[in-house]
Amino acid sequence: MEKARRATLAAVAREAGVSVPTVSKVVNGRTDVAPETRARIESLLVRHGYVARGAGGAQVAARTVELVFDAMQTPNNLDIMHGALEAASAEQVDVVVGILPEDPLGAAWARRMAAARREGLILVTSDINSQQARHFAEQHIPVVTIDPVNLPNPDVPSVGATNFNGGMAATTHLLELGHRRIGFIEGPPGAMVAIARLHGYHAALAQRGLTSDPELMMAGPFMFNTGFTAALELLGRTARPTALFASNDSQALGAIEAARTLGLRVPEDVSIVGFDDILAARWSAPPLTTVRQPFAEMGRVAMRNLLRLVAGEELAAPRIELATQLIIRKSTAAV
């Protein structure tokens, strides 16, 4: 239905025969637009559902996008949200923050967003299949994902980090310290980021002519209790690993607590590496060696890409991966 169509600056620009920046100038009340052109644009803005502001020109009633998380249980989300809000603020766009609805597969979610006049959607650590993507496309709502759970949908742009490189860097660091029995606490089976970090672990070992030992690997959710339970098991063995690489910092902090429970010192008896570089990684005892993900920048890039799509622009690439960085602190030492 025509009323359900999402009015974009690009649509107005096409009808007015001007550029998107020219329409943006009118929307933002700039005066450097010819009166005749301004009048034509203002008329189209009103027709497309924009609200007139009288003699002062026209402005969008509220340019709003939505930022949706699968949950708000990880500290990474605050950094992602900060970056996204910063990028949206620079474009005078409001952001509504929400949690994944109970019916994400149905068309009702897309219709609700259209009724609320959302211009676009960013999904964080969730997944969107072809059916969902079609529902949003029908409502003319572009979608960008951050760290999708599964392989990115080719029809939906995504932003992530170099998880494979990060996993390889963490494992290589431990190998360079002389460790050979390196345990790996995996993330949730099937999660794309967890698989990439696991492959990085395998690749680093293979580079040194070492084979991965399934007995040194345990998997589970990205949670403190996962790391604690896995580390208790791995470090409680007679032939225990001399180092552990955990798939995220929460797991790594759980592993440090497990080592203490077993009377082991970190890093004197066991080295531990995490992944993410959350604030708690710097405050832990000892401070945690980890792989830093640029979460705030991921939020900024995702928001900028979403606003480009809203404006009718094409993206240079459907998938963007930002560089990770190994941060060496006090939780690792030479054998």
C-alpha atoms as a PDB file:
ATOM      1  CA  MET A   1       0.000   0.000   0.000  1.00  0.00           C
ATOM      2  CA  GLU A   2       1.221   3.465  -0.850  1.00  0.00           C
ATOM      3  CA  LYS A   3       0.570   4.793   2.676  1.00  0.00           C
ATOM      4  CA  ALA A   4       2.858   2.110   4.063  1.00  0.00           C
ATOM      5  CA  ARG A   5       5.757   3.115   1.851  1.00  0.00           C
ATOM      6  CA  ARG A   6       8.747   4.500   3.673  1.00  0.00           C
ATOM      7  CA  ALA A   7       9.448   8.002   2.487  1.00  0.00           C
ATOM      8  CA  THR A   8      13.180   8.507   2.039  1.00  0.00           C
ATOM      9  CA  LEU A   9      15.212  11.535   1.164  1.00  0.00           C
ATOM     10  CA  ALA A  10      16.256   9.695  -1.996  1.00  0.00           C
ATOM     11  CA  ALA A  11      12.624   9.280  -3.117  1.00  0.00           C
ATOM     12  CA  VAL A  12      11.926  12.969  -2.597  1.00  0.00           C
ATOM     13  CA  ALA A  13      15.164  13.905  -4.348  1.00  0.00           C
ATOM     14  CA  ARG A  14      14.286  11.794  -7.396  1.00  0.00           C
ATOM     15  CA  GLU A  15      10.850  13.386  -7.737  1.00  0.00           C
ATOM     16  CA  ALA A  16      12.214  16.885  -7.224  1.00  0.00           C
ATOM     17  CA  GLY A  17      15.078  16.332  -9.660  1.00  0.00           C
ATOM     18  CA  VAL A  18      17.706  17.332  -7.115  1.00  0.00           C
ATOM     19  CA  SER A  19      20.396  15.619  -5.050  1.00  0.00           C
ATOM     20  CA  VAL A  20      19.831  14.011  -1.640  1.00  0.00           C
ATOM     21  CA  PRO A  21      22.081  16.640   0.058  1.00  0.00           C
ATOM     22  CA  THR A  22      19.823  19.374  -1.357  1.00  0.00           C
ATOM     23  CA  VAL A  23      16.757  17.724   0.192  1.00  0.00           C
ATOM     24  CA  SER A  24      18.683  17.357   3.470  1.00  0.00           C
ATOM     25  CA  LYS A  25      19.380  21.097   3.454  1.00  0.00           C
ATOM     26  CA  VAL A  26      15.667  21.836   3.224  1.00  0.00           C
ATOM     27  CA  VAL A  27      14.828  19.260   5.916  1.00  0.00           C
ATOM     28  CA  ASN A  28      17.392  20.829   8.239  1.00  0.00           C
ATOM     29  CA  GLY A  29      16.213  24.396   7.596  1.00  0.00           C
ATOM     30  CA  ARG A  30      19.273  25.517   5.653  1.00  0.00           C
ATOM     31  CA  THR A  31      18.828  28.715   3.626  1.00  0.00           C
ATOM     32  CA  ASP A  32      21.253  27.997   0.772  1.00  0.00           C
ATOM     33  CA  VAL A  33      18.588  26.515  -1.528  1.00  0.00           C
ATOM     34  CA  ALA A  34      16.833  28.500  -4.268  1.00  0.00           C
ATOM     35  CA  PRO A  35      13.277  29.514  -3.240  1.00  0.00           C
ATOM     36  CA  GLU A  36      11.652  27.745  -6.192  1.00  0.00           C
ATOM     37  CA  THR A  37      13.561  24.541  -5.511  1.00  0.00           C
ATOM     38  CA  ARG A  38      12.814  24.794  -1.781  1.00  0.00           C
ATOM     39  CA  ALA A  39       9.066  25.152  -2.462  1.00  0.00           C
ATOM     40  CA  ARG A  40       9.093  22.092  -4.748  1.00  0.00           C
ATOM     41  CA  ILE A  41      10.943  19.997  -2.167  1.00  0.00           C
ATOM     42  CA  GLU A  42       8.732  21.126   0.719  1.00  0.00           C
ATOM     43  CA  SER A  43       5.627  20.155  -1.242  1.00  0.00           C
ATOM     44  CA  LEU A  44       7.031  16.675  -1.867  1.00  0.00           C
ATOM     45  CA  LEU A  45       8.092  16.301   1.776  1.00  0.00           C
ATOM     46  CA  VAL A  46       4.521  16.953   2.869  1.00  0.00           C
ATOM     47  CA  ARG A  47       3.164  14.524   0.261  1.00  0.00           C
ATOM     48  CA  HIS A  48       5.548  11.826   1.513  1.00  0.00           C
ATOM     49  CA  GLY A  49       4.411  12.220   5.091  1.00  0.00           C
ATOM     50  CA  TYR A  50       6.753  14.915   6.281  1.00  0.00           C
ATOM     51  CA  VAL A  51       5.363  17.670   8.508  1.00  0.00           C
ATOM     52  CA  ALA A  52       5.372  21.331   7.442  1.00  0.00           C
ATOM     53  CA  ARG A  53       6.970  23.820   9.813  1.00  0.00           C
ATOM     54  CA  GLY A  54       5.290  26.861   8.344  1.00  0.00           C
ATOM     55  CA  ALA A  55       7.371  29.735   7.058  1.00  0.00           C
ATOM     56  CA  GLY A  56      10.503  28.185   8.515  1.00  0.00           C
ATOM     57  CA  GLY A  57      10.461  25.376   5.985  1.00  0.00           C
ATOM     58  CA  ALA A  58       9.848  21.669   6.515  1.00  0.00           C
ATOM     59  CA  GLN A  59      11.321  19.086   8.748  1.00  0.00           C
ATOM     60  CA  VAL A  60      10.786  15.390   9.218  1.00  0.00           C
ATOM     61  CA  ALA A  61       8.383  14.725  12.077  1.00  0.00           C
ATOM     62  CA  ALA A  62      11.046  12.523  13.650  1.00  0.00           C
ATOM     63  CA  ARG A  63      13.655  10.691  11.631  1.00  0.00           C
ATOM     64  CA  THR A  64      13.900   7.476  13.599  1.00  0.00           C
ATOM     65  CA  VAL A  65      15.679   4.149  13.209  1.00  0.00           C
ATOM     66  CA  GLU A  66      15.617   1.165  15.529  1.00  0.00           C
ATOM     67  CA  LEU A  67      18.559  -0.620  17.166  1.00  0.00           C
ATOM     68  CA  VAL A  68      17.533  -4.097  18.329  1.00  0.00           C
ATOM     69  CA  PHE A  69      19.549  -6.474  20.522  1.00  0.00           C
ATOM     70  CA  ASP A  70      18.913 -10.168  21.100  1.00  0.00           C
ATOM     71  CA  ALA A  71      19.445  -9.374  24.798  1.00  0.00           C
ATOM     72  CA  MET A  72      21.102  -6.687  26.908  1.00  0.00           C
ATOM     73  CA  GLN A  73      23.203  -9.079  28.965  1.00  0.00           C
ATOM     74  CA  THR A  74      26.649  -8.363  27.551  1.00  0.00           C
ATOM     75  CA  PRO A  75      28.714  -5.229  28.174  1.00  0.00           C
ATOM     76  CA  ASN A  76      29.659  -5.131  24.477  1.00  0.00           C
ATOM     77  CA  ASN A  77      26.182  -3.831  23.707  1.00  0.00           C
ATOM     78  CA  LEU A  78      26.839  -0.548  25.510  1.00  0.00           C
ATOM     79  CA  ASP A  79      29.828   0.185  23.273  1.00  0.00           C
ATOM     80  CA  ILE A  80      27.887  -0.777  20.136  1.00  0.00           C
ATOM     81  CA  MET A  81      25.004   1.438  21.221  1.00  0.00           C
ATOM     82  CA  HIS A  82      27.345   4.352  21.969  1.00  0.00           C
ATOM     83  CA  GLY A  83      28.875   4.182  18.478  1.00  0.00           C
ATOM     84  CA  ALA A  84      25.495   3.844  16.764  1.00  0.00           C
ATOM     85  CA  LEU A  85      23.971   6.751  18.724  1.00  0.00           C
ATOM     86  CA  GLU A  86      26.978   8.932  17.929  1.00  0.00           C
ATOM     87  CA  ALA A  87      26.675   8.286  14.186  1.00  0.00           C
ATOM     88  CA  ALA A  88      22.898   8.834  14.248  1.00  0.00           C
ATOM     89  CA  SER A  89      23.219  12.072  16.204  1.00  0.00           C
ATOM     90  CA  ALA A  90      25.600  13.446  13.588  1.00  0.00           C
ATOM     91  CA  GLU A  91      22.796  13.010  11.025  1.00  0.00           C
ATOM     92  CA  GLN A  92      20.053  14.300  13.364  1.00  0.00           C
ATOM     93  CA  VAL A  93      18.412  10.880  13.483  1.00  0.00           C
ATOM     94  CA  ASP A  94      16.723   9.505  16.605  1.00  0.00           C
ATOM     95  CA  VAL A  95      17.357   5.933  17.717  1.00  0.00           C
ATOM     96  CA  VAL A  96      14.882   3.655  19.471  1.00  0.00           C
ATOM     97  CA  VAL A  97      16.616   0.808  21.341  1.00  0.00           C
ATOM     98  CA  GLY A  98      14.757  -2.455  21.768  1.00  0.00           C
ATOM     99  CA  ILE A  99      14.967  -6.198  22.377  1.00  0.00           C
ATOM    100  CA  LEU A 100      14.249  -8.828  19.735  1.00  0.00           C
ATOM    101  CA  PRO A 101      10.465  -9.436  19.722  1.00  0.00           C
ATOM    102  CA  GLU A 102       8.917 -12.804  20.434  1.00  0.00           C
ATOM    103  CA  ASP A 103       7.673 -13.128  16.839  1.00  0.00           C
ATOM    104  CA  PRO A 104      10.731 -12.138  14.766  1.00  0.00           C
ATOM    105  CA  LEU A 105       9.818 -14.517  11.932  1.00  0.00           C
ATOM    106  CA  GLY A 106       6.402 -13.044  11.234  1.00  0.00           C
ATOM    107  CA  ALA A 107       5.428 -10.037   9.158  1.00  0.00           C
ATOM    108  CA  ALA A 108       3.843  -8.261  12.149  1.00  0.00           C
ATOM    109  CA  TRP A 109       7.177  -6.879  13.353  1.00  0.00           C
ATOM    110  CA  ALA A 110       7.899  -5.212  10.016  1.00  0.00           C
ATOM    111  CA  ARG A 111       4.361  -3.812   9.891  1.00  0.00           C
ATOM    112  CA  ARG A 112       4.701  -2.387  13.403  1.00  0.00           C
ATOM    113  CA  MET A 113       7.931  -0.664  12.438  1.00  0.00           C
ATOM    114  CA  ALA A 114       6.342   0.751   9.300  1.00  0.00           C
ATOM    115  CA  ALA A 115       3.380   2.052  11.316  1.00  0.00           C
ATOM    116  CA  ALA A 116       5.815   3.695  13.739  1.00  0.00           C
ATOM    117  CA  ARG A 117       7.585   5.318  10.746  1.00  0.00           C
ATOM    118  CA  ARG A 118      10.949   3.704  11.427  1.00  0.00           C
ATOM    119  CA  GLU A 119      13.342   4.433   8.554  1.00  0.00           C
ATOM    120  CA  GLY A 120      15.606   1.461   9.159  1.00  0.00           C
ATOM    121  CA  LEU A 121      16.703  -1.320  11.509  1.00  0.00           C
ATOM    122  CA  ILE A 122      20.015  -2.501  12.970  1.00  0.00           C
ATOM    123  CA  LEU A 123      20.002  -6.029  14.413  1.00  0.00           C
ATOM    124  CA  VAL A 124      22.776  -6.906  16.879  1.00  0.00           C
ATOM    125  CA  THR A 125      24.011 -10.501  17.440  1.00  0.00           C
ATOM    126  CA  SER A 126      20.789 -11.867  16.034  1.00  0.00           C
ATOM    127  CA  ASP A 127      19.957 -13.492  12.743  1.00  0.00           C
ATOM    128  CA  ILE A 128      17.686 -12.559   9.884  1.00  0.00           C
ATOM    129  CA  ASN A 129      16.606 -15.089   7.292  1.00  0.00           C
ATOM    130  CA  SER A 130      15.269 -14.558   3.800  1.00  0.00           C
ATOM    131  CA  GLN A 131      11.670 -14.543   5.034  1.00  0.00           C
ATOM    132  CA  GLN A 132      12.330 -11.779   7.552  1.00  0.00           C
ATOM    133  CA  ALA A 133      14.366  -9.799   5.037  1.00  0.00           C
ATOM    134  CA  ARG A 134      11.461  -9.992   2.581  1.00  0.00           C
ATOM    135  CA  HIS A 135       8.987  -8.682   5.179  1.00  0.00           C
ATOM    136  CA  PHE A 136      11.147  -5.620   5.837  1.00  0.00           C
ATOM    137  CA  ALA A 137      11.793  -5.081   2.134  1.00  0.00           C
ATOM    138  CA  GLU A 138       8.038  -5.083   1.520  1.00  0.00           C
ATOM    139  CA  GLN A 139       7.727  -2.262   4.053  1.00  0.00           C
ATOM    140  CA  HIS A 140      10.705  -0.418   2.504  1.00  0.00           C
ATOM    141  CA  ILE A 141      12.714  -0.681   5.727  1.00  0.00           C
ATOM    142  CA  PRO A 142      16.436  -1.348   5.125  1.00  0.00           C
ATOM    143  CA  VAL A 143      18.204  -3.648   7.595  1.00  0.00           C
ATOM    144  CA  VAL A 144      21.857  -3.914   8.683  1.00  0.00           C
ATOM    145  CA  THR A 145      23.139  -6.605  11.058  1.00  0.00           C
ATOM    146  CA  ILE A 146      26.048  -6.557  13.514  1.00  0.00           C
ATOM    147  CA  ASP A 147      27.682  -9.918  14.275  1.00  0.00           C
ATOM    148  CA  PRO A 148      24.846 -12.057  12.886  1.00  0.00           C
ATOM    149  CA  VAL A 149      24.616 -15.462  14.558  1.00  0.00           C
ATOM    150  CA  ASN A 150      24.801 -17.418  11.313  1.00  0.00           C
ATOM    151  CA  LEU A 151      26.482 -16.712   7.985  1.00  0.00           C
ATOM    152  CA  PRO A 152      25.369 -13.254   6.835  1.00  0.00           C
ATOM    153  CA  ASN A 153      22.319 -13.180   4.582  1.00  0.00           C
ATOM    154  CA  PRO A 154      23.699 -11.966   1.226  1.00  0.00           C
ATOM    155  CA  ASP A 155      20.686  -9.666   0.889  1.00  0.00           C
ATOM    156  CA  VAL A 156      21.324  -7.974   4.254  1.00  0.00           C
ATOM    157  CA  PRO A 157      24.473  -5.878   4.840  1.00  0.00           C
ATOM    158  CA  SER A 158      26.440  -6.820   7.955  1.00  0.00           C
ATOM    159  CA  VAL A 159      29.271  -5.490  10.103  1.00  0.00           C
ATOM    160  CA  GLY A 160      31.611  -7.638  12.173  1.00  0.00           C
ATOM    161  CA  ALA A 161      35.216  -8.080  13.218  1.00  0.00           C
ATOM    162  CA  THR A 162      38.125 -10.226  12.034  1.00  0.00           C
ATOM    163  CA  ASN A 163      37.315 -13.105  14.397  1.00  0.00           C
ATOM    164  CA  PHE A 164      39.508 -15.611  12.562  1.00  0.00           C
ATOM    165  CA  ASN A 165      42.528 -13.286  12.759  1.00  0.00           C
ATOM    166  CA  GLY A 166      41.787 -12.592  16.404  1.00  0.00           C
ATOM    167  CA  GLY A 167      41.616 -16.277  17.258  1.00  0.00           C
ATOM    168  CA  MET A 168      44.855 -16.874  15.425  1.00  0.00           C
ATOM    169  CA  ALA A 169      46.589 -13.944  17.159  1.00  0.00           C
ATOM    170  CA  ALA A 170      45.538 -15.122  20.626  1.00  0.00           C
ATOM    171  CA  THR A 171      46.737 -18.675  20.024  1.00  0.00           C
ATOM    172  CA  THR A 172      49.967 -17.524  18.362  1.00  0.00           C
ATOM    173  CA  HIS A 173      50.730 -15.340  21.401  1.00  0.00           C
ATOM    174  CA  LEU A 174      50.489 -18.395  23.662  1.00  0.00           C
ATOM    175  CA  LEU A 175      52.600 -20.484  21.293  1.00  0.00           C
ATOM    176  CA  GLU A 176      55.287 -17.791  21.261  1.00  0.00           C
ATOM    177  CA  LEU A 177      55.376 -17.992  25.050  1.00  0.00           C
ATOM    178  CA  GLY A 178      56.229 -21.685  24.726  1.00  0.00           C
ATOM    179  CA  HIS A 179      52.818 -23.202  25.428  1.00  0.00           C
ATOM    180  CA  ARG A 180      51.943 -26.349  23.514  1.00  0.00           C
ATOM    181  CA  ARG A 181      49.004 -27.773  25.463  1.00  0.00           C
ATOM    182  CA  ILE A 182      46.537 -24.953  24.871  1.00  0.00           C
ATOM    183  CA  GLY A 183      42.945 -25.538  25.887  1.00  0.00           C
ATOM    184  CA  PHE A 184      40.171 -23.801  23.992  1.00  0.00           C
ATOM    185  CA  ILE A 185      36.823 -22.808  25.493  1.00  0.00           C
ATOM    186  CA  GLU A 186      34.556 -22.478  22.472  1.00  0.00           C
ATOM    187  CA  GLY A 187      31.471 -20.338  22.084  1.00  0.00           C
ATOM    188  CA  PRO A 188      27.960 -21.590  21.277  1.00  0.00           C
ATOM    189  CA  PRO A 189      28.051 -24.324  18.600  1.00  0.00           C
ATOM    190  CA  GLY A 190      26.892 -22.907  15.283  1.00  0.00           C
ATOM    191  CA  ALA A 191      27.544 -19.255  16.121  1.00  0.00           C
ATOM    192  CA  MET A 192      29.514 -17.740  13.243  1.00  0.00           C
ATOM    193  CA  VAL A 193      31.865 -15.677  15.428  1.00  0.00           C
ATOM    194  CA  ALA A 194      32.635 -18.702  17.617  1.00  0.00           C
ATOM    195  CA  ILE A 195      33.408 -20.868  14.591  1.00  0.00           C
ATOM    196  CA  ALA A 196      35.732 -18.211  13.143  1.00  0.00           C
ATOM    197  CA  ARG A 197      37.689 -17.958  16.421  1.00  0.00           C
ATOM    198  CA  LEU A 198      37.925 -21.758  16.590  1.00  0.00           C
ATOM    199  CA  HIS A 199      39.301 -21.860  13.042  1.00  0.00           C
ATOM    200  CA  GLY A 200      41.867 -19.220  14.014  1.00  0.00           C
ATOM    201  CA  TYR A 201      42.926 -21.442  16.938  1.00  0.00           C
ATOM    202  CA  HIS A 202      43.292 -24.461  14.619  1.00  0.00           C
ATOM    203  CA  ALA A 203      45.245 -22.425  12.050  1.00  0.00           C
ATOM    204  CA  ALA A 204      47.755 -21.096  14.585  1.00  0.00           C
ATOM    205  CA  LEU A 205      48.459 -24.598  15.864  1.00  0.00           C
ATOM    206  CA  ALA A 206      48.796 -25.933  12.321  1.00  0.00           C
ATOM    207  CA  GLN A 207      51.342 -23.225  11.490  1.00  0.00           C
ATOM    208  CA  ARG A 208      53.548 -24.661  14.241  1.00  0.00           C
ATOM    209  CA  GLY A 209      53.024 -28.214  13.045  1.00  0.00           C
ATOM    210  CA  LEU A 210      50.700 -29.030  15.942  1.00  0.00           C
ATOM    211  CA  THR A 211      47.354 -30.796  15.730  1.00  0.00           C
ATOM    212  CA  SER A 212      44.294 -29.774  17.714  1.00  0.00           C
ATOM    213  CA  ASP A 213      43.418 -32.093  20.586  1.00  0.00           C
ATOM    214  CA  PRO A 214      39.632 -32.539  20.985  1.00  0.00           C
ATOM    215  CA  GLU A 215      40.251 -33.387  24.641  1.00  0.00           C
ATOM    216  CA  LEU A 216      41.422 -29.805  25.181  1.00  0.00           C
ATOM    217  CA  MET A 217      38.271 -28.192  23.760  1.00  0.00           C
ATOM    218  CA  MET A 218      34.910 -27.537  25.422  1.00  0.00           C
ATOM    219  CA  ALA A 219      31.985 -25.476  24.134  1.00  0.00           C
ATOM    220  CA  GLY A 220      29.193 -23.421  25.651  1.00  0.00           C
ATOM    221  CA  PRO A 221      27.471 -20.017  25.777  1.00  0.00           C
ATOM    222  CA  PHE A 222      29.474 -16.798  26.062  1.00  0.00           C
ATOM    223  CA  MET A 223      29.023 -16.708  29.848  1.00  0.00           C
ATOM    224  CA  PHE A 224      31.108 -16.618  33.035  1.00  0.00           C
ATOM    225  CA  ASN A 225      29.707 -19.967  34.200  1.00  0.00           C
ATOM    226  CA  THR A 226      30.712 -21.627  30.920  1.00  0.00           C
ATOM    227  CA  GLY A 227      34.316 -20.577  31.393  1.00  0.00           C
ATOM    228  CA  PHE A 228      34.280 -21.565  35.061  1.00  0.00           C
ATOM    229  CA  THR A 229      32.861 -25.037  34.428  1.00  0.00           C
ATOM    230  CA  ALA A 230      35.041 -25.745  31.378  1.00  0.00           C
ATOM    231  CA  ALA A 231      38.220 -24.573  33.118  1.00  0.00           C
ATOM    232  CA  LEU A 232      37.456 -26.667  36.217  1.00  0.00           C
ATOM    233  CA  GLU A 233      37.256 -29.713  33.951  1.00  0.00           C
ATOM    234  CA  LEU A 234      40.308 -28.923  31.810  1.00  0.00           C
ATOM    235  CA  LEU A 235      42.579 -27.734  34.626  1.00  0.00           C
ATOM    236  CA  GLY A 236      41.512 -30.512  36.975  1.00  0.00           C
ATOM    237  CA  ARG A 237      43.051 -33.200  34.793  1.00  0.00           C
ATOM    238  CA  THR A 238      46.379 -34.837  35.490  1.00  0.00           C
ATOM    239  CA  ALA A 239      47.733 -33.778  32.077  1.00  0.00           C
ATOM    240  CA  ARG A 240      46.220 -30.312  32.273  1.00  0.00           C
ATOM    241  CA  PRO A 241      46.782 -27.579  29.655  1.00  0.00           C
ATOM    242  CA  THR A 242      49.334 -24.894  30.495  1.00  0.00           C
ATOM    243  CA  ALA A 243      47.212 -22.227  28.830  1.00  0.00           C
ATOM    244  CA  LEU A 244      43.563 -21.547  28.008  1.00  0.00           C
ATOM    245  CA  PHE A 245      42.100 -19.463  25.208  1.00  0.00           C
ATOM    246  CA  ALA A 246      38.487 -18.517  25.931  1.00  0.00           C
ATOM    247  CA  SER A 247      36.143 -17.353  23.162  1.00  0.00           C
ATOM    248  CA  ASN A 248      35.125 -14.267  25.094  1.00  0.00           C
ATOM    249  CA  ASP A 249      36.147 -12.314  28.175  1.00  0.00           C
ATOM    250  CA  SER A 250      33.253 -13.502  30.340  1.00  0.00           C
ATOM    251  CA  GLN A 251      34.388 -17.077  29.784  1.00  0.00           C
ATOM    252  CA  ALA A 252      38.005 -16.068  30.461  1.00  0.00           C
ATOM    253  CA  LEU A 253      37.062 -14.404  33.766  1.00  0.00           C
ATOM    254  CA  GLY A 254      35.233 -17.585  34.726  1.00  0.00           C
ATOM    255  CA  ALA A 255      38.376 -19.554  33.853  1.00  0.00           C
ATOM    256  CA  ILE A 256      40.491 -17.326  36.121  1.00  0.00           C
ATOM    257  CA  GLU A 257      38.091 -17.999  38.996  1.00  0.00           C
ATOM    258  CA  ALA A 258      38.231 -21.741  38.283  1.00  0.00           C
ATOM    259  CA  ALA A 259      42.029 -21.631  38.407  1.00  0.00           C
ATOM    260  CA  ARG A 260      41.855 -19.933  41.822  1.00  0.00           C
ATOM    261  CA  THR A 261      39.374 -22.550  43.028  1.00  0.00           C
ATOM    262  CA  LEU A 262      41.860 -25.266  42.063  1.00  0.00           C
ATOM    263  CA  GLY A 263      44.727 -23.450  43.792  1.00  0.00           C
ATOM    264  CA  LEU A 264      46.427 -22.504  40.517  1.00  0.00           C
ATOM    265  CA  ARG A 265      48.052 -19.119  39.932  1.00  0.00           C
ATOM    266  CA  VAL A 266      47.461 -17.019  36.814  1.00  0.00           C
ATOM    267  CA  PRO A 267      49.764 -16.706  34.914  1.00  0.00           C
ATOM    268  CA  GLU A 268      52.434 -18.635  36.870  1.00  0.00           C
ATOM    269  CA  ASP A 269      50.601 -21.978  36.622  1.00  0.00           C
ATOM    270  CA  VAL A 270      48.254 -21.325  33.721  1.00  0.00           C
ATOM    271  CA  SER A 271      48.030 -18.524  31.152  1.00  0.00           C
ATOM    272  CA  ILE A 272      44.583 -17.313  30.110  1.00  0.00           C
ATOM    273  CA  VAL A 273      43.512 -15.253  27.077  1.00  0.00           C
ATOM    274  CA  GLY A 274      40.060 -13.843  26.380  1.00  0.00           C
ATOM    275  CA  PHE A 275      38.326 -12.153  23.476  1.00  0.00           C
ATOM    276  CA  ASP A 276      36.465  -8.785  23.312  1.00  0.00           C
ATOM    277  CA  ASP A 277      38.310  -6.488  25.764  1.00  0.00           C
ATOM    278  CA  ILE A 278      35.374  -5.529  27.944  1.00  0.00           C
ATOM    279  CA  LEU A 279      36.045  -3.088  30.808  1.00  0.00           C
ATOM    280  CA  ALA A 280      36.172  -5.917  33.339  1.00  0.00           C
ATOM    281  CA  ALA A 281      39.142  -7.383  31.449  1.00  0.00           C
ATOM    282  CA  ARG A 282      41.241  -4.411  32.575  1.00  0.00           C
ATOM    283  CA  TRP A 283      40.034  -4.632  36.174  1.00  0.00           C
ATOM    284  CA  SER A 284      40.393  -8.384  36.659  1.00  0.00           C
ATOM    285  CA  ALA A 285      43.141  -9.838  38.842  1.00  0.00           C
ATOM    286  CA  PRO A 286      45.377 -10.221  36.995  1.00  0.00           C
ATOM    287  CA  PRO A 287      44.400  -7.877  34.145  1.00  0.00           C
ATOM    288  CA  LEU A 288      43.352 -10.038  31.218  1.00  0.00           C
ATOM    289  CA  THR A 289      45.261 -10.526  27.990  1.00  0.00           C
ATOM    290  CA  THR A 290      42.589 -10.441  25.311  1.00  0.00           C
ATOM    291  CA  VAL A 291      41.652  -9.690  21.715  1.00  0.00           C
ATOM    292  CA  ARG A 292      40.014  -6.284  21.381  1.00  0.00           C
ATOM    293  CA  GLN A 293      36.957  -5.893  19.180  1.00  0.00           C
ATOM    294  CA  PRO A 294      36.150  -2.328  18.032  1.00  0.00           C
ATOM    295  CA  PHE A 295      32.538  -2.433  19.243  1.00  0.00           C
ATOM    296  CA  ALA A 296      31.880   1.313  19.164  1.00  0.00           C
ATOM    297  CA  GLU A 297      33.243   1.549  15.636  1.00  0.00           C
ATOM    298  CA  MET A 298      31.088  -1.419  14.611  1.00  0.00           C
ATOM    299  CA  GLY A 299      28.059   0.510  15.836  1.00  0.00           C
ATOM    300  CA  ARG A 300      29.140   3.648  13.996  1.00  0.00           C
ATOM    301  CA  VAL A 301      29.809   1.829  10.718  1.00  0.00           C
ATOM    302  CA  ALA A 302      26.518  -0.067  10.892  1.00  0.00           C
ATOM    303  CA  MET A 303      24.558   3.142  11.499  1.00  0.00           C
ATOM    304  CA  ARG A 304      26.330   5.033   8.707  1.00  0.00           C
ATOM    305  CA  ASN A 305      25.642   2.169   6.306  1.00  0.00           C
ATOM    306  CA  LEU A 306      22.003   2.020   7.355  1.00  0.00           C
ATOM    307  CA  LEU A 307      21.554   5.747   6.771  1.00  0.00           C
ATOM    308  CA  ARG A 308      23.155   5.393   3.343  1.00  0.00           C
ATOM    309  CA  LEU A 309      20.592   2.717   2.501  1.00  0.00           C
ATOM    310  CA  VAL A 310      17.795   4.927   3.820  1.00  0.00           C
ATOM    311  CA  ALA A 311      19.039   7.664   1.491  1.00  0.00           C
ATOM    312  CA  GLY A 312      18.872   5.255  -1.454  1.00  0.00           C
ATOM    313  CA  GLU A 313      22.629   4.893  -1.814  1.00  0.00           C
ATOM    314  CA  GLU A 314      24.473   1.678  -2.629  1.00  0.00           C
ATOM    315  CA  LEU A 315      27.091   0.265  -0.273  1.00  0.00           C
ATOM    316  CA  ALA A 316      30.611  -0.497  -1.442  1.00  0.00           C
ATOM    317  CA  ALA A 317      30.386  -4.007   0.066  1.00  0.00           C
ATOM    318  CA  PRO A 318      27.642  -6.031   1.769  1.00  0.00           C
ATOM    319  CA  ARG A 319      29.989  -7.291   4.504  1.00  0.00           C
ATOM    320  CA  ILE A 320      32.494  -5.199   6.481  1.00  0.00           C
ATOM    321  CA  GLU A 321      34.943  -6.712   8.976  1.00  0.00           C
ATOM    322  CA  LEU A 322      36.868  -4.368  11.256  1.00  0.00           C
ATOM    323  CA  ALA A 323      40.319  -5.279  12.566  1.00  0.00           C
ATOM    324  CA  THR A 324      40.802  -6.920  15.958  1.00  0.00           C
ATOM    325  CA  GLN A 325      43.861  -6.238  18.126  1.00  0.00           C
ATOM    326  CA  LEU A 326      45.720  -8.428  20.610  1.00  0.00           C
ATOM    327  CA  ILE A 327      46.043  -6.625  23.971  1.00  0.00           C
ATOM    328  CA  ILE A 328      48.749  -8.173  26.154  1.00  0.00           C
ATOM    329  CA  ARG A 329      48.305  -7.726  29.919  1.00  0.00           C
ATOM    330  CA  LYS A 330      49.262  -9.797  32.962  1.00  0.00           C
ATOM    331  CA  SER A 331      47.281 -13.049  32.560  1.00  0.00           C
ATOM    332  CA  THR A 332      49.812 -14.680  30.217  1.00  0.00           C
ATOM    333  CA  ALA A 333      53.441 -15.636  30.765  1.00  0.00           C
ATOM    334  CA  ALA A 334      56.114 -17.940  29.348  1.00  0.00           C
ATOM    335  CA  VAL A 335      56.054 -21.593  30.356  1.00  0.00           C
END
